[in-house]
Amino acid sequence: MAKVLEREKALYDQDLLAWAERQAALLRGGRIEALDTANLIEELEAMAASRRRKLKRRLRVLLMHLLKWDFQPRRRSRSWASTIAEQRARIEDLLEESPSLRRELAATARSAYPQALQRAAIETGLPCQSFPTDLPYGLDRIMGEDGGPDEEPTT
């Protein structure tokens, strides 16, 4: 049994895809004792962390564009509106795939906001002090359930 586990761990280091397929085959076959549990745990935790990072990246882009939309109304564009809609759709996709992320949405948005603010300041040329220090949007606004952006872009 020890040699089997050593082989599984070696495969993990050599070829992650082959290792994952092997672990799935072992699970399907009910061969729990042959699983590389330490690396399985690590990979499952990494997968969960990856989903959280993806949500935060999407929220960062969305929040930056909402700030640009709200603080530079004369520069609104179809491109900004499209980016807002695309990020909302991608976030909804993530939430459909991993519904438990929904309970983390507000906290993740608050966590993503400082970087979104910095990027909005860079892209707009406005000083950071022009924007609210704390996240100014509730989940309804973030996810577009309030209908926004609801004004026509100027360009």
Foldseek 3Di string as FASTA:
>chain_A
DVVLLVVLVVCCVVPVVVSVVVQVVCVVVVVVVSHNVVVVVVVVVVVVVVLLVVLLVLLLQLLLLVCCCVVVVQQFDVVSVVSNVVSLVVNVVSCVVPVVCVVVNVVSNQVSPVNSLVVSCVVVVNDSVVDDPTDPDDPCVSNCVVVPPPDHGND
